[in-house]
C-alpha atoms as a PDB file:
ATOM      1  CA  MET A   1      58.922  99.725  21.384  1.00  0.00           C
ATOM      2  CA  ASN A   2      55.165  99.506  21.856  1.00  0.00           C
ATOM      3  CA  SER A   3      52.846  98.157  19.190  1.00  0.00           C
ATOM      4  CA  GLY A   4      49.721 100.200  18.493  1.00  0.00           C
ATOM      5  CA  SER A   5      46.241  98.910  17.772  1.00  0.00           C
ATOM      6  CA  PHE A   6      46.278 100.342  14.248  1.00  0.00           C
ATOM      7  CA  THR A   7      48.660  99.795  11.366  1.00  0.00           C
ATOM      8  CA  ILE A   8      49.445 102.497   8.806  1.00  0.00           C
ATOM      9  CA  THR A   9      50.822 101.024   5.592  1.00  0.00           C
ATOM     10  CA  GLY A  10      52.394 103.197   2.898  1.00  0.00           C
ATOM     11  CA  TYR A  11      52.621 101.997  -0.708  1.00  0.00           C
ATOM     12  CA  SER A  12      55.152 103.331  -3.206  1.00  0.00           C
ATOM     13  CA  SER A  13      53.014 102.406  -6.235  1.00  0.00           C
ATOM     14  CA  ASP A  14      49.634 101.055  -7.287  1.00  0.00           C
ATOM     15  CA  GLU A  15      51.298  97.872  -8.512  1.00  0.00           C
ATOM     16  CA  ALA A  16      52.432  97.051  -4.974  1.00  0.00           C
ATOM     17  CA  MET A  17      48.870  97.128  -3.645  1.00  0.00           C
ATOM     18  CA  THR A  18      48.304  93.450  -4.371  1.00  0.00           C
ATOM     19  CA  ASP A  19      45.237  93.234  -2.097  1.00  0.00           C
ATOM     20  CA  PHE A  20      43.470  95.801  -4.286  1.00  0.00           C
ATOM     21  CA  THR A  21      44.799  94.609  -7.660  1.00  0.00           C
ATOM     22  CA  GLY A  22      43.890  91.050  -6.686  1.00  0.00           C
ATOM     23  CA  GLY A  23      40.373  91.972  -5.597  1.00  0.00           C
ATOM     24  CA  THR A  24      40.704  91.106  -1.892  1.00  0.00           C
ATOM     25  CA  LYS A  25      39.947  94.728  -1.046  1.00  0.00           C
ATOM     26  CA  LYS A  26      37.800  97.193  -3.019  1.00  0.00           C
ATOM     27  CA  ILE A  27      37.065 100.883  -2.645  1.00  0.00           C
ATOM     28  CA  SER A  28      33.344 101.213  -1.779  1.00  0.00           C
ATOM     29  CA  LYS A  29      33.207 104.974  -1.195  1.00  0.00           C
ATOM     30  CA  GLY A  30      35.418 107.799  -2.403  1.00  0.00           C
ATOM     31  CA  LYS A  31      38.574 106.802  -4.251  1.00  0.00           C
ATOM     32  CA  MET A  32      42.130 105.630  -3.743  1.00  0.00           C
ATOM     33  CA  PHE A  33      44.739 108.301  -3.002  1.00  0.00           C
ATOM     34  CA  ALA A  34      46.845 109.367  -5.997  1.00  0.00           C
ATOM     35  CA  GLU A  35      49.948 107.294  -6.644  1.00  0.00           C
ATOM     36  CA  GLY A  36      53.049 109.014  -5.217  1.00  0.00           C
ATOM     37  CA  THR A  37      51.101 111.743  -3.384  1.00  0.00           C
ATOM     38  CA  ASP A  38      52.673 113.395  -0.346  1.00  0.00           C
ATOM     39  CA  SER A  39      49.362 114.770   0.985  1.00  0.00           C
ATOM     40  CA  MET A  40      48.258 113.662   4.445  1.00  0.00           C
ATOM     41  CA  VAL A  41      45.449 111.460   3.136  1.00  0.00           C
ATOM     42  CA  CYS A  42      44.461 107.843   3.667  1.00  0.00           C
ATOM     43  CA  VAL A  43      41.864 105.149   3.030  1.00  0.00           C
ATOM     44  CA  ILE A  44      40.259 103.119   5.825  1.00  0.00           C
ATOM     45  CA  SER A  45      38.118 100.003   6.086  1.00  0.00           C
ATOM     46  CA  SER A  46      34.324 100.087   6.012  1.00  0.00           C
ATOM     47  CA  GLU A  47      34.206  98.451   9.472  1.00  0.00           C
ATOM     48  CA  LEU A  48      36.458 101.111  10.969  1.00  0.00           C
ATOM     49  CA  ALA A  49      34.323 103.820   9.335  1.00  0.00           C
ATOM     50  CA  LYS A  50      31.068 102.251  10.530  1.00  0.00           C
ATOM     51  CA  TYR A  51      31.996 101.767  14.186  1.00  0.00           C
ATOM     52  CA  ASN A  52      33.577 105.223  14.471  1.00  0.00           C
ATOM     53  CA  ASP A  53      30.956 107.099  12.413  1.00  0.00           C
ATOM     54  CA  LEU A  54      33.518 108.197   9.817  1.00  0.00           C
ATOM     55  CA  SER A  55      32.932 109.078   6.176  1.00  0.00           C
ATOM     56  CA  VAL A  56      34.875 110.375   3.182  1.00  0.00           C
ATOM     57  CA  GLY A  57      36.145 113.883   3.886  1.00  0.00           C
ATOM     58  CA  ASP A  58      36.498 113.360   7.652  1.00  0.00           C
ATOM     59  CA  SER A  59      39.889 113.378   9.359  1.00  0.00           C
ATOM     60  CA  ILE A  60      41.386 110.945  11.844  1.00  0.00           C
ATOM     61  CA  LYS A  61      44.171 111.547  14.338  1.00  0.00           C
ATOM     62  CA  VAL A  62      46.711 108.806  15.029  1.00  0.00           C
ATOM     63  CA  SER A  63      49.402 108.875  17.703  1.00  0.00           C
ATOM     64  CA  ASN A  64      52.808 107.336  18.185  1.00  0.00           C
ATOM     65  CA  PRO A  65      52.313 104.318  20.528  1.00  0.00           C
ATOM     66  CA  ASN A  66      55.611 105.272  22.215  1.00  0.00           C
ATOM     67  CA  ASN A  67      54.584 108.900  22.711  1.00  0.00           C
ATOM     68  CA  SER A  68      50.852 109.595  22.950  1.00  0.00           C
ATOM     69  CA  LYS A  69      51.435 113.358  22.667  1.00  0.00           C
ATOM     70  CA  GLU A  70      52.871 112.896  19.161  1.00  0.00           C
ATOM     71  CA  THR A  71      49.886 112.881  16.804  1.00  0.00           C
ATOM     72  CA  TYR A  72      49.328 113.082  13.065  1.00  0.00           C
ATOM     73  CA  LYS A  73      46.139 114.071  11.221  1.00  0.00           C
ATOM     74  CA  LEU A  74      45.069 112.166   8.091  1.00  0.00           C
ATOM     75  CA  LYS A  75      42.152 113.037   5.822  1.00  0.00           C
ATOM     76  CA  ILE A  76      39.979 110.142   4.637  1.00  0.00           C
ATOM     77  CA  VAL A  77      39.666 110.140   0.832  1.00  0.00           C
ATOM     78  CA  GLY A  78      38.334 106.599   0.434  1.00  0.00           C
ATOM     79  CA  ILE A  79      36.720 103.719   2.300  1.00  0.00           C
ATOM     80  CA  TYR A  80      37.512 100.152   1.256  1.00  0.00           C
ATOM     81  CA  LYS A  81      35.650  96.923   1.795  1.00  0.00           C
ATOM     82  CA  ASP A  82      37.674  93.903   2.901  1.00  0.00           C
ATOM     83  CA  SER A  83      36.663  90.335   2.067  1.00  0.00           C
ATOM     84  CA  GLN A  84      37.974  89.298   5.494  1.00  0.00           C
ATOM     85  CA  SER A  85      35.991  90.612   8.445  1.00  0.00           C
ATOM     86  CA  SER A  86      37.189  91.290  12.004  1.00  0.00           C
ATOM     87  CA  ALA A  87      35.203  88.262  13.197  1.00  0.00           C
ATOM     88  CA  GLN A  88      37.080  86.000  10.776  1.00  0.00           C
ATOM     89  CA  ALA A  89      40.397  87.469  11.933  1.00  0.00           C
ATOM     90  CA  GLY A  90      39.434  86.763  15.561  1.00  0.00           C
ATOM     91  CA  GLN A  91      38.877  83.103  14.731  1.00  0.00           C
ATOM     92  CA  ALA A  92      42.521  82.885  13.592  1.00  0.00           C
ATOM     93  CA  GLY A  93      43.699  83.386  17.189  1.00  0.00           C
ATOM     94  CA  PRO A  94      44.247  86.097  19.806  1.00  0.00           C
ATOM     95  CA  ASN A  95      47.500  87.247  18.180  1.00  0.00           C
ATOM     96  CA  ALA A  96      45.964  87.754  14.733  1.00  0.00           C
ATOM     97  CA  SER A  97      45.821  91.355  13.560  1.00  0.00           C
ATOM     98  CA  ASP A  98      42.433  92.947  12.940  1.00  0.00           C
ATOM     99  CA  PRO A  99      42.183  93.726   9.191  1.00  0.00           C
ATOM    100  CA  ALA A 100      39.665  96.500   9.953  1.00  0.00           C
ATOM    101  CA  ASN A 101      42.446  98.448  11.691  1.00  0.00           C
ATOM    102  CA  ASN A 102      44.616  98.711   8.576  1.00  0.00           C
ATOM    103  CA  ILE A 103      44.964 102.287   7.343  1.00  0.00           C
ATOM    104  CA  TYR A 104      46.543 102.776   3.912  1.00  0.00           C
ATOM    105  CA  THR A 105      48.397 105.793   2.562  1.00  0.00           C
ATOM    106  CA  SER A 106      51.265 106.497   0.176  1.00  0.00           C
ATOM    107  CA  TYR A 107      54.930 105.855   0.916  1.00  0.00           C
ATOM    108  CA  GLU A 108      55.707 109.573   0.623  1.00  0.00           C
ATOM    109  CA  THR A 109      53.062 110.453   3.227  1.00  0.00           C
ATOM    110  CA  LEU A 110      54.265 107.799   5.633  1.00  0.00           C
ATOM    111  CA  ASN A 111      57.864 108.885   5.068  1.00  0.00           C
ATOM    112  CA  GLN A 112      56.861 112.405   6.157  1.00  0.00           C
ATOM    113  CA  ILE A 113      55.487 110.971   9.393  1.00  0.00           C
ATOM    114  CA  VAL A 114      58.673 108.979  10.007  1.00  0.00           C
ATOM    115  CA  THR A 115      60.874 112.016   9.294  1.00  0.00           C
ATOM    116  CA  ALA A 116      58.773 114.296  11.513  1.00  0.00           C
ATOM    117  CA  SER A 117      58.844 111.723  14.305  1.00  0.00           C
ATOM    118  CA  GLY A 118      62.624 111.546  14.082  1.00  0.00           C
ATOM    119  CA  LYS A 119      62.928 115.326  14.394  1.00  0.00           C
ATOM    120  CA  LYS A 120      60.541 115.482  17.352  1.00  0.00           C
ATOM    121  CA  ASN A 121      62.327 112.673  19.190  1.00  0.00           C
ATOM    122  CA  SER A 122      65.913 113.238  18.087  1.00  0.00           C
ATOM    123  CA  GLU A 123      67.342 112.477  21.520  1.00  0.00           C
ATOM    124  CA  SER A 124      65.039 109.678  22.591  1.00  0.00           C
ATOM    125  CA  THR A 125      64.191 106.132  21.540  1.00  0.00           C
ATOM    126  CA  SER A 126      60.469 106.833  21.201  1.00  0.00           C
ATOM    127  CA  ALA A 127      60.796 108.018  17.594  1.00  0.00           C
ATOM    128  CA  ILE A 128      59.253 105.920  14.848  1.00  0.00           C
ATOM    129  CA  SER A 129      62.144 104.113  13.178  1.00  0.00           C
ATOM    130  CA  GLY A 130      62.172 101.821  10.169  1.00  0.00           C
ATOM    131  CA  ARG A 131      63.147  98.402   8.899  1.00  0.00           C
ATOM    132  CA  LEU A 132      64.261  98.233   5.265  1.00  0.00           C
ATOM    133  CA  ASN A 133      62.737  95.817   2.728  1.00  0.00           C
ATOM    134  CA  GLY A 134      64.395  95.668  -0.695  1.00  0.00           C
ATOM    135  CA  THR A 135      62.311  95.259  -3.840  1.00  0.00           C
ATOM    136  CA  TYR A 136      63.784  94.396  -7.238  1.00  0.00           C
ATOM    137  CA  VAL A 137      61.914  94.617 -10.536  1.00  0.00           C
ATOM    138  CA  VAL A 138      63.197  92.809 -13.638  1.00  0.00           C
ATOM    139  CA  GLY A 139      61.855  92.872 -17.171  1.00  0.00           C
ATOM    140  CA  THR A 140      62.316  89.317 -18.426  1.00  0.00           C
ATOM    141  CA  LEU A 141      62.823  85.783 -17.190  1.00  0.00           C
ATOM    142  CA  GLY A 142      66.379  85.878 -18.580  1.00  0.00           C
ATOM    143  CA  LYS A 143      67.208  88.991 -16.536  1.00  0.00           C
ATOM    144  CA  TYR A 144      65.692  87.377 -13.456  1.00  0.00           C
ATOM    145  CA  LYS A 145      67.920  84.312 -13.851  1.00  0.00           C
ATOM    146  CA  GLN A 146      70.930  86.565 -14.455  1.00  0.00           C
ATOM    147  CA  PHE A 147      70.086  88.584 -11.329  1.00  0.00           C
ATOM    148  CA  LYS A 148      69.701  85.393  -9.291  1.00  0.00           C
ATOM    149  CA  LYS A 149      73.093  84.151 -10.517  1.00  0.00           C
ATOM    150  CA  GLU A 150      74.854  87.460  -9.865  1.00  0.00           C
ATOM    151  CA  VAL A 151      73.632  87.901  -6.282  1.00  0.00           C
ATOM    152  CA  LYS A 152      74.982  84.448  -5.453  1.00  0.00           C
ATOM    153  CA  GLN A 153      78.315  85.315  -7.060  1.00  0.00           C
ATOM    154  CA  LEU A 154      78.381  88.526  -4.986  1.00  0.00           C
ATOM    155  CA  GLY A 155      78.152  86.439  -1.824  1.00  0.00           C
ATOM    156  CA  LEU A 156      74.459  86.132  -0.924  1.00  0.00           C
ATOM    157  CA  SER A 157      74.192  83.736   2.007  1.00  0.00           C
ATOM    158  CA  THR A 158      72.494  80.370   1.507  1.00  0.00           C
ATOM    159  CA  LYS A 159      70.112  81.430   4.319  1.00  0.00           C
ATOM    160  CA  TYR A 160      68.397  83.695   1.779  1.00  0.00           C
ATOM    161  CA  GLN A 161      66.382  82.789  -1.284  1.00  0.00           C
ATOM    162  CA  VAL A 162      65.659  84.846  -4.398  1.00  0.00           C
ATOM    163  CA  THR A 163      62.045  84.240  -5.390  1.00  0.00           C
ATOM    164  CA  SER A 164      59.464  85.792  -7.689  1.00  0.00           C
ATOM    165  CA  ALA A 165      55.745  85.434  -7.136  1.00  0.00           C
ATOM    166  CA  ASP A 166      55.137  86.434 -10.778  1.00  0.00           C
ATOM    167  CA  ILE A 167      57.381  83.675 -12.158  1.00  0.00           C
ATOM    168  CA  SER A 168      55.997  81.072  -9.747  1.00  0.00           C
ATOM    169  CA  SER A 169      52.459  81.995 -10.768  1.00  0.00           C
ATOM    170  CA  TYR A 170      53.405  81.921 -14.457  1.00  0.00           C
ATOM    171  CA  GLU A 171      55.075  78.503 -14.206  1.00  0.00           C
ATOM    172  CA  GLN A 172      52.098  77.127 -12.302  1.00  0.00           C
ATOM    173  CA  SER A 173      49.620  78.431 -14.887  1.00  0.00           C
ATOM    174  CA  ALA A 174      51.813  77.349 -17.819  1.00  0.00           C
ATOM    175  CA  ARG A 175      52.259  73.784 -16.558  1.00  0.00           C
ATOM    176  CA  PRO A 176      48.895  72.546 -17.943  1.00  0.00           C
ATOM    177  CA  LEU A 177      49.684  74.173 -21.306  1.00  0.00           C
ATOM    178  CA  LYS A 178      53.102  72.478 -21.433  1.00  0.00           C
ATOM    179  CA  ASN A 179      51.506  69.115 -20.625  1.00  0.00           C
ATOM    180  CA  LEU A 180      48.891  69.748 -23.330  1.00  0.00           C
ATOM    181  CA  ALA A 181      51.611  70.661 -25.850  1.00  0.00           C
ATOM    182  CA  LYS A 182      53.524  67.485 -25.007  1.00  0.00           C
ATOM    183  CA  PHE A 183      50.362  65.402 -25.393  1.00  0.00           C
ATOM    184  CA  ALA A 184      49.550  67.126 -28.701  1.00  0.00           C
ATOM    185  CA  GLY A 185      53.077  66.415 -29.986  1.00  0.00           C
ATOM    186  CA  CYS A 186      52.827  62.717 -29.101  1.00  0.00           C
ATOM    187  CA  PHE A 187      49.344  62.546 -30.624  1.00  0.00           C
ATOM    188  CA  LEU A 188      50.666  64.156 -33.837  1.00  0.00           C
ATOM    189  CA  ILE A 189      53.464  61.576 -34.111  1.00  0.00           C
ATOM    190  CA  VAL A 190      50.966  58.738 -33.631  1.00  0.00           C
ATOM    191  CA  ILE A 191      48.687  60.221 -36.315  1.00  0.00           C
ATOM    192  CA  LEU A 192      51.595  60.557 -38.760  1.00  0.00           C
ATOM    193  CA  LEU A 193      52.692  56.946 -38.176  1.00  0.00           C
ATOM    194  CA  VAL A 194      49.138  55.626 -38.545  1.00  0.00           C
ATOM    195  CA  GLY A 195      48.602  57.776 -41.657  1.00  0.00           C
ATOM    196  CA  ALA A 196      51.850  56.534 -43.207  1.00  0.00           C
ATOM    197  CA  ALA A 197      50.870  52.914 -42.502  1.00  0.00           C
ATOM    198  CA  ILE A 198      47.412  53.442 -44.036  1.00  0.00           C
ATOM    199  CA  LEU A 199      48.952  55.116 -47.091  1.00  0.00           C
ATOM    200  CA  VAL A 200      51.361  52.215 -47.635  1.00  0.00           C
ATOM    201  CA  ILE A 201      48.569  49.643 -47.296  1.00  0.00           C
ATOM    202  CA  MET A 202      46.314  51.556 -49.714  1.00  0.00           C
ATOM    203  CA  ASN A 203      49.108  51.753 -52.294  1.00  0.00           C
ATOM    204  CA  ILE A 204      49.818  48.039 -51.967  1.00  0.00           C
ATOM    205  CA  PHE A 205      46.171  47.206 -52.681  1.00  0.00           C
ATOM    206  CA  SER A 206      46.072  49.786 -55.471  1.00  0.00           C
ATOM    207  CA  THR A 207      49.166  48.297 -57.079  1.00  0.00           C
ATOM    208  CA  ARG A 208      47.675  44.788 -56.978  1.00  0.00           C
ATOM    209  CA  GLU A 209      44.491  46.023 -58.639  1.00  0.00           C
ATOM    210  CA  ARG A 210      46.555  47.635 -61.423  1.00  0.00           C
ATOM    211  CA  LYS A 211      48.497  44.506 -62.388  1.00  0.00           C
ATOM    212  CA  TYR A 212      47.044  44.570 -65.929  1.00  0.00           C
ATOM    213  CA  GLU A 213      48.118  48.210 -66.356  1.00  0.00           C
ATOM    214  CA  ILE A 214      51.626  47.419 -65.098  1.00  0.00           C
ATOM    215  CA  GLY A 215      51.829  44.468 -67.491  1.00  0.00           C
ATOM    216  CA  VAL A 216      50.832  46.638 -70.458  1.00  0.00           C
ATOM    217  CA  LEU A 217      53.441  49.289 -69.520  1.00  0.00           C
ATOM    218  CA  THR A 218      56.213  46.712 -69.245  1.00  0.00           C
ATOM    219  CA  ALA A 219      55.065  45.089 -72.475  1.00  0.00           C
ATOM    220  CA  ILE A 220      55.513  48.316 -74.439  1.00  0.00           C
ATOM    221  CA  GLY A 221      59.072  48.633 -73.157  1.00  0.00           C
ATOM    222  CA  MET A 222      58.951  50.569 -69.841  1.00  0.00           C
ATOM    223  CA  LYS A 223      61.409  49.401 -67.224  1.00  0.00           C
ATOM    224  CA  LYS A 224      60.407  48.539 -63.659  1.00  0.00           C
ATOM    225  CA  LYS A 225      62.175  51.665 -62.359  1.00  0.00           C
ATOM    226  CA  GLN A 226      60.159  53.842 -64.712  1.00  0.00           C
ATOM    227  CA  VAL A 227      56.898  52.169 -63.667  1.00  0.00           C
ATOM    228  CA  ALA A 228      57.802  52.663 -59.982  1.00  0.00           C
ATOM    229  CA  ALA A 229      58.667  56.325 -60.664  1.00  0.00           C
ATOM    230  CA  LEU A 230      55.318  56.786 -62.407  1.00  0.00           C
ATOM    231  CA  PHE A 231      53.377  55.391 -59.458  1.00  0.00           C
ATOM    232  CA  LEU A 232      55.477  57.424 -57.000  1.00  0.00           C
ATOM    233  CA  THR A 233      54.789  60.599 -58.986  1.00  0.00           C
ATOM    234  CA  GLU A 234      51.054  59.921 -58.862  1.00  0.00           C
ATOM    235  CA  ILE A 235      51.251  59.452 -55.063  1.00  0.00           C
ATOM    236  CA  LEU A 236      53.239  62.677 -54.601  1.00  0.00           C
ATOM    237  CA  ILE A 237      50.799  64.680 -56.749  1.00  0.00           C
ATOM    238  CA  LEU A 238      47.817  63.347 -54.799  1.00  0.00           C
ATOM    239  CA  SER A 239      49.605  63.994 -51.462  1.00  0.00           C
ATOM    240  CA  LEU A 240      50.516  67.544 -52.499  1.00  0.00           C
ATOM    241  CA  ALA A 241      46.954  68.275 -53.611  1.00  0.00           C
ATOM    242  CA  SER A 242      45.614  66.843 -50.337  1.00  0.00           C
ATOM    243  CA  ALA A 243      48.091  68.942 -48.315  1.00  0.00           C
ATOM    244  CA  ILE A 244      47.048  72.121 -50.166  1.00  0.00           C
ATOM    245  CA  ILE A 245      43.352  71.426 -49.694  1.00  0.00           C
ATOM    246  CA  GLY A 246      43.843  70.445 -46.022  1.00  0.00           C
ATOM    247  CA  GLY A 247      46.071  73.478 -45.316  1.00  0.00           C
ATOM    248  CA  ALA A 248      43.580  75.852 -46.924  1.00  0.00           C
ATOM    249  CA  ALA A 249      40.702  74.325 -44.973  1.00  0.00           C
ATOM    250  CA  GLY A 250      42.713  74.485 -41.734  1.00  0.00           C
ATOM    251  CA  ALA A 251      43.664  78.134 -42.331  1.00  0.00           C
ATOM    252  CA  ALA A 252      40.043  79.026 -43.051  1.00  0.00           C
ATOM    253  CA  VAL A 253      38.820  77.304 -39.898  1.00  0.00           C
ATOM    254  CA  SER A 254      41.673  78.541 -37.694  1.00  0.00           C
ATOM    255  CA  LYS A 255      40.937  82.239 -38.286  1.00  0.00           C
ATOM    256  CA  PRO A 256      37.485  82.334 -36.640  1.00  0.00           C
ATOM    257  CA  VAL A 257      38.646  79.972 -33.893  1.00  0.00           C
ATOM    258  CA  THR A 258      41.720  82.132 -33.172  1.00  0.00           C
ATOM    259  CA  LYS A 259      39.587  85.271 -33.299  1.00  0.00           C
ATOM    260  CA  GLN A 260      37.170  83.772 -30.805  1.00  0.00           C
ATOM    261  CA  LEU A 261      40.008  82.780 -28.458  1.00  0.00           C
ATOM    262  CA  LEU A 262      41.597  86.243 -28.721  1.00  0.00           C
ATOM    263  CA  THR A 263      38.239  87.899 -28.107  1.00  0.00           C
ATOM    264  CA  ALA A 264      37.764  85.801 -24.985  1.00  0.00           C
ATOM    265  CA  GLN A 265      41.297  86.677 -23.836  1.00  0.00           C
ATOM    266  CA  VAL A 266      40.770  90.406 -24.447  1.00  0.00           C
ATOM    267  CA  ALA A 267      37.419  90.276 -22.661  1.00  0.00           C
ATOM    268  CA  SER A 268      39.077  88.555 -19.714  1.00  0.00           C
ATOM    269  CA  GLY A 269      41.808  91.223 -19.620  1.00  0.00           C
ATOM    270  CA  MET A 270      39.269  94.037 -19.790  1.00  0.00           C
ATOM    271  CA  LYS A 271      37.217  92.406 -17.035  1.00  0.00           C
ATOM    272  CA  GLN A 272      40.338  92.169 -14.872  1.00  0.00           C
ATOM    273  CA  SER A 273      41.178  95.824 -15.582  1.00  0.00           C
ATOM    274  CA  GLU A 274      37.612  96.881 -14.722  1.00  0.00           C
ATOM    275  CA  ASP A 275      37.754  94.860 -11.498  1.00  0.00           C
ATOM    276  CA  MET A 276      41.031  96.547 -10.500  1.00  0.00           C
ATOM    277  CA  GLN A 277      39.609  99.965 -11.380  1.00  0.00           C
ATOM    278  CA  GLU A 278      36.598  99.168  -9.233  1.00  0.00           C
ATOM    279  CA  SER A 279      38.928  98.093  -6.403  1.00  0.00           C
ATOM    280  CA  PHE A 280      40.811 101.413  -6.518  1.00  0.00           C
ATOM    281  CA  GLY A 281      37.830 103.638  -7.238  1.00  0.00           C
ATOM    282  CA  ARG A 282      39.909 105.315  -9.982  1.00  0.00           C
ATOM    283  CA  GLU A 283      42.224 104.382 -12.852  1.00  0.00           C
ATOM    284  CA  ASN A 284      45.246 102.583 -11.419  1.00  0.00           C
ATOM    285  CA  ASN A 285      48.736 102.187 -12.844  1.00  0.00           C
ATOM    286  CA  GLY A 286      49.492  98.837 -11.285  1.00  0.00           C
ATOM    287  CA  GLY A 287      49.640  95.684 -13.365  1.00  0.00           C
ATOM    288  CA  GLY A 288      48.312  93.450 -10.655  1.00  0.00           C
ATOM    289  CA  SER A 289      49.537  90.064  -9.478  1.00  0.00           C
ATOM    290  CA  GLY A 290      47.736  88.125 -12.130  1.00  0.00           C
ATOM    291  CA  THR A 291      49.087  89.925 -15.199  1.00  0.00           C
ATOM    292  CA  GLY A 292      52.532  88.560 -15.268  1.00  0.00           C
ATOM    293  CA  GLN A 293      53.971  91.962 -16.070  1.00  0.00           C
ATOM    294  CA  MET A 294      57.326  92.862 -14.618  1.00  0.00           C
ATOM    295  CA  PRO A 295      58.067  96.415 -15.797  1.00  0.00           C
ATOM    296  CA  GLY A 296      61.485  97.979 -16.211  1.00  0.00           C
ATOM    297  CA  GLY A 297      64.958  96.530 -16.125  1.00  0.00           C
ATOM    298  CA  ALA A 298      66.860  94.961 -13.241  1.00  0.00           C
ATOM    299  CA  SER A 299      66.754  97.725 -10.642  1.00  0.00           C
ATOM    300  CA  SER A 300      65.720  98.523  -7.105  1.00  0.00           C
ATOM    301  CA  SER A 301      62.458 100.279  -6.452  1.00  0.00           C
ATOM    302  CA  SER A 302      62.546 103.993  -5.744  1.00  0.00           C
ATOM    303  CA  PRO A 303      61.966 105.035  -3.112  1.00  0.00           C
ATOM    304  CA  ILE A 304      63.017 101.913  -1.207  1.00  0.00           C
ATOM    305  CA  PRO A 305      60.046 100.729   0.862  1.00  0.00           C
ATOM    306  CA  LEU A 306      60.446 100.261   4.596  1.00  0.00           C
ATOM    307  CA  THR A 307      58.493  98.471   7.283  1.00  0.00           C
ATOM    308  CA  LEU A 308      58.325 100.224  10.630  1.00  0.00           C
ATOM    309  CA  PRO A 309      58.375  98.428  13.994  1.00  0.00           C
ATOM    310  CA  GLY A 310      55.146  97.636  15.720  1.00  0.00           C
ATOM    311  CA  ALA A 311      53.426  96.385  12.581  1.00  0.00           C
ATOM    312  CA  PRO A 312      51.647  93.040  12.822  1.00  0.00           C
ATOM    313  CA  THR A 313      53.399  89.944  11.550  1.00  0.00           C
ATOM    314  CA  GLY A 314      51.278  89.904   8.382  1.00  0.00           C
ATOM    315  CA  ALA A 315      51.937  93.567   7.516  1.00  0.00           C
ATOM    316  CA  SER A 316      54.711  92.707   5.073  1.00  0.00           C
ATOM    317  CA  ASN A 317      55.072  89.863   2.607  1.00  0.00           C
ATOM    318  CA  CYS A 318      58.885  90.178   2.695  1.00  0.00           C
ATOM    319  CA  SER A 319      60.514  87.750   5.109  1.00  0.00           C
ATOM    320  CA  ARG A 320      64.077  87.285   6.328  1.00  0.00           C
ATOM    321  CA  SER A 321      64.693  84.473   3.857  1.00  0.00           C
ATOM    322  CA  THR A 322      63.077  86.085   0.818  1.00  0.00           C
ATOM    323  CA  ILE A 323      63.917  88.945  -1.509  1.00  0.00           C
ATOM    324  CA  CYS A 324      60.445  89.872  -2.711  1.00  0.00           C
ATOM    325  CA  SER A 325      59.935  90.693  -6.372  1.00  0.00           C
ATOM    326  CA  ASN A 326      56.618  92.488  -6.317  1.00  0.00           C
ATOM    327  CA  GLU A 327      56.022  94.080  -2.921  1.00  0.00           C
ATOM    328  CA  LYS A 328      56.567  97.798  -2.323  1.00  0.00           C
ATOM    329  CA  LYS A 329      55.155  99.109   0.887  1.00  0.00           C
ATOM    330  CA  ALA A 330      55.940 100.549   4.281  1.00  0.00           C
ATOM    331  CA  ALA A 331      54.045 100.130   7.503  1.00  0.00           C
ATOM    332  CA  ALA A 332      53.935 102.037  10.792  1.00  0.00           C
ATOM    333  CA  PRO A 333      52.239 101.271  14.089  1.00  0.00           C
END
C-alpha cells in the first residue's frame, strides 16, 4: 500500500474536531462543512490554498495513491488557518507529516469514497481499505469507572489501557482546588481552636473581674451551679448573637462575590464558545476538549470511525494501547 502526499480526514461530529474546538486551527474563509453531511465537500489549509491558487467554491481532485486513475472531486467550502506551519513541521524531521496537506471532510463523505473505491477495485488490493478505531462516550465519572471495570471483567488484555482525556484534564485542573480546599479546612480548624482558646481566656479574666458580683449572688442564696449556669447562659446568648450577626454579614458579602465569580465564569464560557464558533466559521455542536462534557450514556459512537492506511503517524490520536474517549475521525491517504 502506497502512502499519498495528502491526508483526507473524515470527522463523525463537531465534538471530535479537537484541533478546531481547541483553537489550534480556525476557519479563515468560508465555513466548516455541516456536521454529518454526505456532500463531496471539504476544508483545506490556507497554505495549500495559497500555493495552489485555490479559494472557496473551487474544486480539487484527489487520487488513490495505489491507482492514479481512481480520482474523487471535492468542493472547497472553507479554508482554515493552522497555528503550525509547514516550515515548523519540517524542523520536526524528514518523516514528519506536512500539516498544510491535511484535507478535512465528514465521515459520511469519506465513507462514500471508501465504498466507491471498494466497488471499483473489488478484485484487486489497490482499493482503499480501513482500520477501525473504537470510540466510547460516557455520561458520568461513575459510568466511566463502571465501563473500565466491565471491560476488564470481559477479558480486556493488560496490553491495553482505558483512558479518558476529559477525566485526566478534569483531575489535573481540579487538583489545585482540592489542595486549596484541604488548606482551607486546616485553616478553619486552626481558627476554631484559637478562637476557643481566646474565648476561654476572656471568660477567665471576666470572671475574675466579677468576683464582687459572684459574692453578692452567693450571699443572697444562689448556689455555685446556678451562678455557673448564669454565666454560661450569658456566654451562649452573646455567642448566638455574634453568630447571627456574622452569618448575616457573610451572606450579604458572599452574594456580590459569588455573582462576580459566576459572571467571570459565564464570560469565560461565552468567550470559549465564541472562539470555537470562530474556529468553525459557523455554529458548532461540539463541546470541545476543555468543557469537560461527556454527552450520552455508555455507548459506542455511530457511525464507528475508521482510519485508513497510508495516513501519517499523527493522523489519529487512538493508539494500539489506548481506547480513546473523545476522538471520532477517519483518515484516508
